[in-house]
Amino acid sequence: MRELYGLTLYRLDNWKGALRELRAFSELTGSVDQCPVAADCERALGHHDRVAEIWSDLRRAGASSDVVTEGRLVMAGSLADRGRIDEAIALVRPAARHVHRPQERHVRQWYLLADLYERSGDIPRARELFGRVVAADPELSDAAERLAALR
């Protein structure tokens, strides 16, 4: 119940309430599955030091690749929020390699990396990655529109 309630509060942008519930869930179960959501709440509250702590803990916890990917996306977003675009790119780039059968985690990383490249002014790389996103999942967010705008 704590997990579900925490996720509901998160969807309602109630960052403090979501954090309270997700921390309780984690303490009760020992699960790290919702750590990326908790990190995103911390990010929304401007607690970037806590985002970094959660990211560090998550990498050591042996979480699933999907959970680690979500944590990486939140950490990169936190870096980008503070204008540290090059660091955000460096964090995501190694994990955003081209794969023949992309899973959702791959496509989400491509999208973020495309956004970061666009923000850094590297339009050719942004265009290539948004192209990958659209080829894999044409309905993902605004990727098709952003790709069209970069052409």
C-alpha atoms as a PDB file:
ATOM      1  CA  MET A   1       0.000   0.000   0.000  1.00  0.00           C
ATOM      2  CA  ARG A   2       2.847   2.427   0.815  1.00  0.00           C
ATOM      3  CA  GLU A   3       4.357   1.879  -2.625  1.00  0.00           C
ATOM      4  CA  LEU A   4       1.082   2.410  -4.463  1.00  0.00           C
ATOM      5  CA  TYR A   5       0.201   5.453  -2.391  1.00  0.00           C
ATOM      6  CA  GLY A   6       3.681   6.901  -2.922  1.00  0.00           C
ATOM      7  CA  LEU A   7       3.427   6.421  -6.678  1.00  0.00           C
ATOM      8  CA  THR A   8      -0.026   8.009  -6.667  1.00  0.00           C
ATOM      9  CA  LEU A   9       1.299  11.037  -4.800  1.00  0.00           C
ATOM     10  CA  TYR A  10       4.192  11.218  -7.263  1.00  0.00           C
ATOM     11  CA  ARG A  11       1.772  11.308 -10.207  1.00  0.00           C
ATOM     12  CA  LEU A  12      -0.051  14.128  -8.425  1.00  0.00           C
ATOM     13  CA  ASP A  13       3.237  16.087  -8.089  1.00  0.00           C
ATOM     14  CA  ASN A  14       3.097  15.783  -4.299  1.00  0.00           C
ATOM     15  CA  TRP A  15       6.855  15.319  -3.984  1.00  0.00           C
ATOM     16  CA  LYS A  16       7.136  15.433  -0.180  1.00  0.00           C
ATOM     17  CA  GLY A  17       4.258  13.036   0.366  1.00  0.00           C
ATOM     18  CA  ALA A  18       5.553  10.660  -2.277  1.00  0.00           C
ATOM     19  CA  LEU A  19       9.011  10.684  -0.692  1.00  0.00           C
ATOM     20  CA  ARG A  20       7.555   9.888   2.728  1.00  0.00           C
ATOM     21  CA  GLU A  21       5.629   6.896   1.394  1.00  0.00           C
ATOM     22  CA  LEU A  22       8.360   5.598  -0.896  1.00  0.00           C
ATOM     23  CA  ARG A  23      10.943   5.788   1.895  1.00  0.00           C
ATOM     24  CA  ALA A  24       8.584   3.845   4.158  1.00  0.00           C
ATOM     25  CA  PHE A  25       8.057   1.268   1.419  1.00  0.00           C
ATOM     26  CA  SER A  26      11.799   0.879   0.945  1.00  0.00           C
ATOM     27  CA  GLU A  27      12.444   0.562   4.678  1.00  0.00           C
ATOM     28  CA  LEU A  28       9.685  -2.017   5.106  1.00  0.00           C
ATOM     29  CA  THR A  29      10.663  -4.172   2.145  1.00  0.00           C
ATOM     30  CA  GLY A  30      14.346  -3.488   1.497  1.00  0.00           C
ATOM     31  CA  SER A  31      13.422  -2.923  -2.146  1.00  0.00           C
ATOM     32  CA  VAL A  32      15.279  -0.358  -4.261  1.00  0.00           C
ATOM     33  CA  ASP A  33      12.759  -0.537  -7.106  1.00  0.00           C
ATOM     34  CA  GLN A  34      11.265   2.885  -6.367  1.00  0.00           C
ATOM     35  CA  CYS A  35      14.543   4.663  -5.617  1.00  0.00           C
ATOM     36  CA  PRO A  36      14.530   6.399  -9.028  1.00  0.00           C
ATOM     37  CA  VAL A  37      11.063   7.785  -8.283  1.00  0.00           C
ATOM     38  CA  ALA A  38      12.261   8.994  -4.881  1.00  0.00           C
ATOM     39  CA  ALA A  39      15.290  10.560  -6.578  1.00  0.00           C
ATOM     40  CA  ASP A  40      13.006  12.319  -9.035  1.00  0.00           C
ATOM     41  CA  CYS A  41      11.016  13.724  -6.109  1.00  0.00           C
ATOM     42  CA  GLU A  42      14.261  15.004  -4.588  1.00  0.00           C
ATOM     43  CA  ARG A  43      15.153  16.512  -7.954  1.00  0.00           C
ATOM     44  CA  ALA A  44      11.781  18.263  -8.162  1.00  0.00           C
ATOM     45  CA  LEU A  45      12.406  19.686  -4.689  1.00  0.00           C
ATOM     46  CA  GLY A  46      15.858  20.938  -5.753  1.00  0.00           C
ATOM     47  CA  HIS A  47      17.719  18.495  -3.487  1.00  0.00           C
ATOM     48  CA  HIS A  48      20.374  17.588  -6.015  1.00  0.00           C
ATOM     49  CA  ASP A  49      22.777  16.301  -3.368  1.00  0.00           C
ATOM     50  CA  ARG A  50      20.147  13.723  -2.355  1.00  0.00           C
ATOM     51  CA  VAL A  51      19.684  12.720  -6.004  1.00  0.00           C
ATOM     52  CA  ALA A  52      23.425  11.998  -6.192  1.00  0.00           C
ATOM     53  CA  GLU A  53      23.310   9.997  -2.944  1.00  0.00           C
ATOM     54  CA  ILE A  54      20.385   7.890  -4.153  1.00  0.00           C
ATOM     55  CA  TRP A  55      22.129   7.306  -7.504  1.00  0.00           C
ATOM     56  CA  SER A  56      25.286   6.173  -5.719  1.00  0.00           C
ATOM     57  CA  ASP A  57      23.314   3.847  -3.417  1.00  0.00           C
ATOM     58  CA  LEU A  58      21.322   2.461  -6.335  1.00  0.00           C
ATOM     59  CA  ARG A  59      24.429   1.525  -8.316  1.00  0.00           C
ATOM     60  CA  ARG A  60      25.830  -0.365  -5.323  1.00  0.00           C
ATOM     61  CA  ALA A  61      22.528  -2.135  -4.591  1.00  0.00           C
ATOM     62  CA  GLY A  62      22.647  -4.507  -7.554  1.00  0.00           C
ATOM     63  CA  ALA A  63      19.290  -3.327  -8.867  1.00  0.00           C
ATOM     64  CA  SER A  64      17.835  -4.527 -12.156  1.00  0.00           C
ATOM     65  CA  SER A  65      18.997  -2.836 -15.352  1.00  0.00           C
ATOM     66  CA  ASP A  66      15.604  -1.131 -15.745  1.00  0.00           C
ATOM     67  CA  VAL A  67      15.835   0.385 -12.260  1.00  0.00           C
ATOM     68  CA  VAL A  68      19.450   1.472 -12.776  1.00  0.00           C
ATOM     69  CA  THR A  69      18.477   3.034 -16.099  1.00  0.00           C
ATOM     70  CA  GLU A  70      15.731   5.075 -14.449  1.00  0.00           C
ATOM     71  CA  GLY A  71      18.186   6.188 -11.780  1.00  0.00           C
ATOM     72  CA  ARG A  72      20.682   7.196 -14.459  1.00  0.00           C
ATOM     73  CA  LEU A  73      18.020   9.243 -16.253  1.00  0.00           C
ATOM     74  CA  VAL A  74      17.108  11.084 -13.058  1.00  0.00           C
ATOM     75  CA  MET A  75      20.755  11.739 -12.179  1.00  0.00           C
ATOM     76  CA  ALA A  76      21.468  13.051 -15.685  1.00  0.00           C
ATOM     77  CA  GLY A  77      18.398  15.264 -15.455  1.00  0.00           C
ATOM     78  CA  SER A  78      19.638  16.608 -12.140  1.00  0.00           C
ATOM     79  CA  LEU A  79      22.987  17.463 -13.701  1.00  0.00           C
ATOM     80  CA  ALA A  80      21.280  19.136 -16.651  1.00  0.00           C
ATOM     81  CA  ASP A  81      19.026  21.124 -14.296  1.00  0.00           C
ATOM     82  CA  ARG A  82      22.185  22.685 -12.913  1.00  0.00           C
ATOM     83  CA  GLY A  83      23.646  23.455 -16.330  1.00  0.00           C
ATOM     84  CA  ARG A  84      26.094  20.547 -16.235  1.00  0.00           C
ATOM     85  CA  ILE A  85      25.079  19.293 -19.689  1.00  0.00           C
ATOM     86  CA  ASP A  86      28.468  17.784 -20.561  1.00  0.00           C
ATOM     87  CA  GLU A  87      28.446  15.717 -17.362  1.00  0.00           C
ATOM     88  CA  ALA A  88      24.887  14.581 -18.053  1.00  0.00           C
ATOM     89  CA  ILE A  89      25.886  13.515 -21.571  1.00  0.00           C
ATOM     90  CA  ALA A  90      28.916  11.657 -20.216  1.00  0.00           C
ATOM     91  CA  LEU A  91      26.674   9.779 -17.783  1.00  0.00           C
ATOM     92  CA  VAL A  92      24.116   8.671 -20.382  1.00  0.00           C
ATOM     93  CA  ARG A  93      26.233   8.254 -23.523  1.00  0.00           C
ATOM     94  CA  PRO A  94      27.899   4.904 -22.642  1.00  0.00           C
ATOM     95  CA  ALA A  95      24.548   3.328 -21.809  1.00  0.00           C
ATOM     96  CA  ALA A  96      22.818   4.676 -24.921  1.00  0.00           C
ATOM     97  CA  ARG A  97      24.485   2.441 -27.466  1.00  0.00           C
ATOM     98  CA  HIS A  98      22.676   1.348 -30.596  1.00  0.00           C
ATOM     99  CA  VAL A  99      20.891  -2.008 -30.260  1.00  0.00           C
ATOM    100  CA  HIS A 100      18.973  -3.983 -32.868  1.00  0.00           C
ATOM    101  CA  ARG A 101      15.966  -4.753 -30.668  1.00  0.00           C
ATOM    102  CA  PRO A 102      15.659  -1.803 -28.329  1.00  0.00           C
ATOM    103  CA  GLN A 103      13.752  -2.113 -25.119  1.00  0.00           C
ATOM    104  CA  GLU A 104      11.962   0.784 -23.477  1.00  0.00           C
ATOM    105  CA  ARG A 105      15.002   1.603 -21.343  1.00  0.00           C
ATOM    106  CA  HIS A 106      17.154   2.004 -24.461  1.00  0.00           C
ATOM    107  CA  VAL A 107      14.664   4.301 -26.149  1.00  0.00           C
ATOM    108  CA  ARG A 108      14.260   6.451 -23.038  1.00  0.00           C
ATOM    109  CA  GLN A 109      18.032   6.872 -22.801  1.00  0.00           C
ATOM    110  CA  TRP A 110      18.234   7.796 -26.488  1.00  0.00           C
ATOM    111  CA  TYR A 111      15.525  10.401 -25.966  1.00  0.00           C
ATOM    112  CA  LEU A 112      17.295  12.006 -23.015  1.00  0.00           C
ATOM    113  CA  LEU A 113      20.635  11.948 -24.802  1.00  0.00           C
ATOM    114  CA  ALA A 114      19.059  13.534 -27.893  1.00  0.00           C
ATOM    115  CA  ASP A 115      17.586  16.258 -25.683  1.00  0.00           C
ATOM    116  CA  LEU A 116      20.957  16.853 -24.032  1.00  0.00           C
ATOM    117  CA  TYR A 117      22.754  17.028 -27.375  1.00  0.00           C
ATOM    118  CA  GLU A 118      20.174  19.490 -28.670  1.00  0.00           C
ATOM    119  CA  ARG A 119      20.627  21.636 -25.572  1.00  0.00           C
ATOM    120  CA  SER A 120      24.408  21.528 -26.019  1.00  0.00           C
ATOM    121  CA  GLY A 121      24.093  22.630 -29.650  1.00  0.00           C
ATOM    122  CA  ASP A 122      25.137  19.304 -31.198  1.00  0.00           C
ATOM    123  CA  ILE A 123      22.210  19.174 -33.633  1.00  0.00           C
ATOM    124  CA  PRO A 124      23.513  16.328 -35.854  1.00  0.00           C
ATOM    125  CA  ARG A 125      23.786  13.965 -32.863  1.00  0.00           C
ATOM    126  CA  ALA A 126      20.426  15.105 -31.521  1.00  0.00           C
ATOM    127  CA  ARG A 127      18.836  14.492 -34.921  1.00  0.00           C
ATOM    128  CA  GLU A 128      20.369  11.008 -35.188  1.00  0.00           C
ATOM    129  CA  LEU A 129      19.162  10.001 -31.728  1.00  0.00           C
ATOM    130  CA  PHE A 130      15.671  11.442 -32.124  1.00  0.00           C
ATOM    131  CA  GLY A 131      15.576   9.461 -35.372  1.00  0.00           C
ATOM    132  CA  ARG A 132      16.385   6.276 -33.459  1.00  0.00           C
ATOM    133  CA  VAL A 133      13.680   7.073 -30.924  1.00  0.00           C
ATOM    134  CA  VAL A 134      11.049   7.652 -33.599  1.00  0.00           C
ATOM    135  CA  ALA A 135      12.047   4.476 -35.450  1.00  0.00           C
ATOM    136  CA  ALA A 136      11.717   2.438 -32.251  1.00  0.00           C
ATOM    137  CA  ASP A 137       8.668   4.155 -30.732  1.00  0.00           C
ATOM    138  CA  PRO A 138       6.982   6.835 -32.867  1.00  0.00           C
ATOM    139  CA  GLU A 139       4.561   7.663 -30.046  1.00  0.00           C
ATOM    140  CA  LEU A 140       7.174   8.415 -27.394  1.00  0.00           C
ATOM    141  CA  SER A 141       6.610  11.895 -26.053  1.00  0.00           C
ATOM    142  CA  ASP A 142       7.320  14.626 -28.598  1.00  0.00           C
ATOM    143  CA  ALA A 143      10.221  12.865 -30.341  1.00  0.00           C
ATOM    144  CA  ALA A 144       8.680  13.009 -33.823  1.00  0.00           C
ATOM    145  CA  GLU A 145       7.979  16.727 -33.522  1.00  0.00           C
ATOM    146  CA  ARG A 146      11.444  17.448 -32.192  1.00  0.00           C
ATOM    147  CA  LEU A 147      13.031  15.438 -34.981  1.00  0.00           C
ATOM    148  CA  ALA A 148      10.996  17.335 -37.569  1.00  0.00           C
ATOM    149  CA  ALA A 149      12.054  20.649 -36.022  1.00  0.00           C
ATOM    150  CA  LEU A 150      15.723  19.668 -36.289  1.00  0.00           C
ATOM    151  CA  ARG A 151      15.517  18.905 -40.022  1.00  0.00           C
END
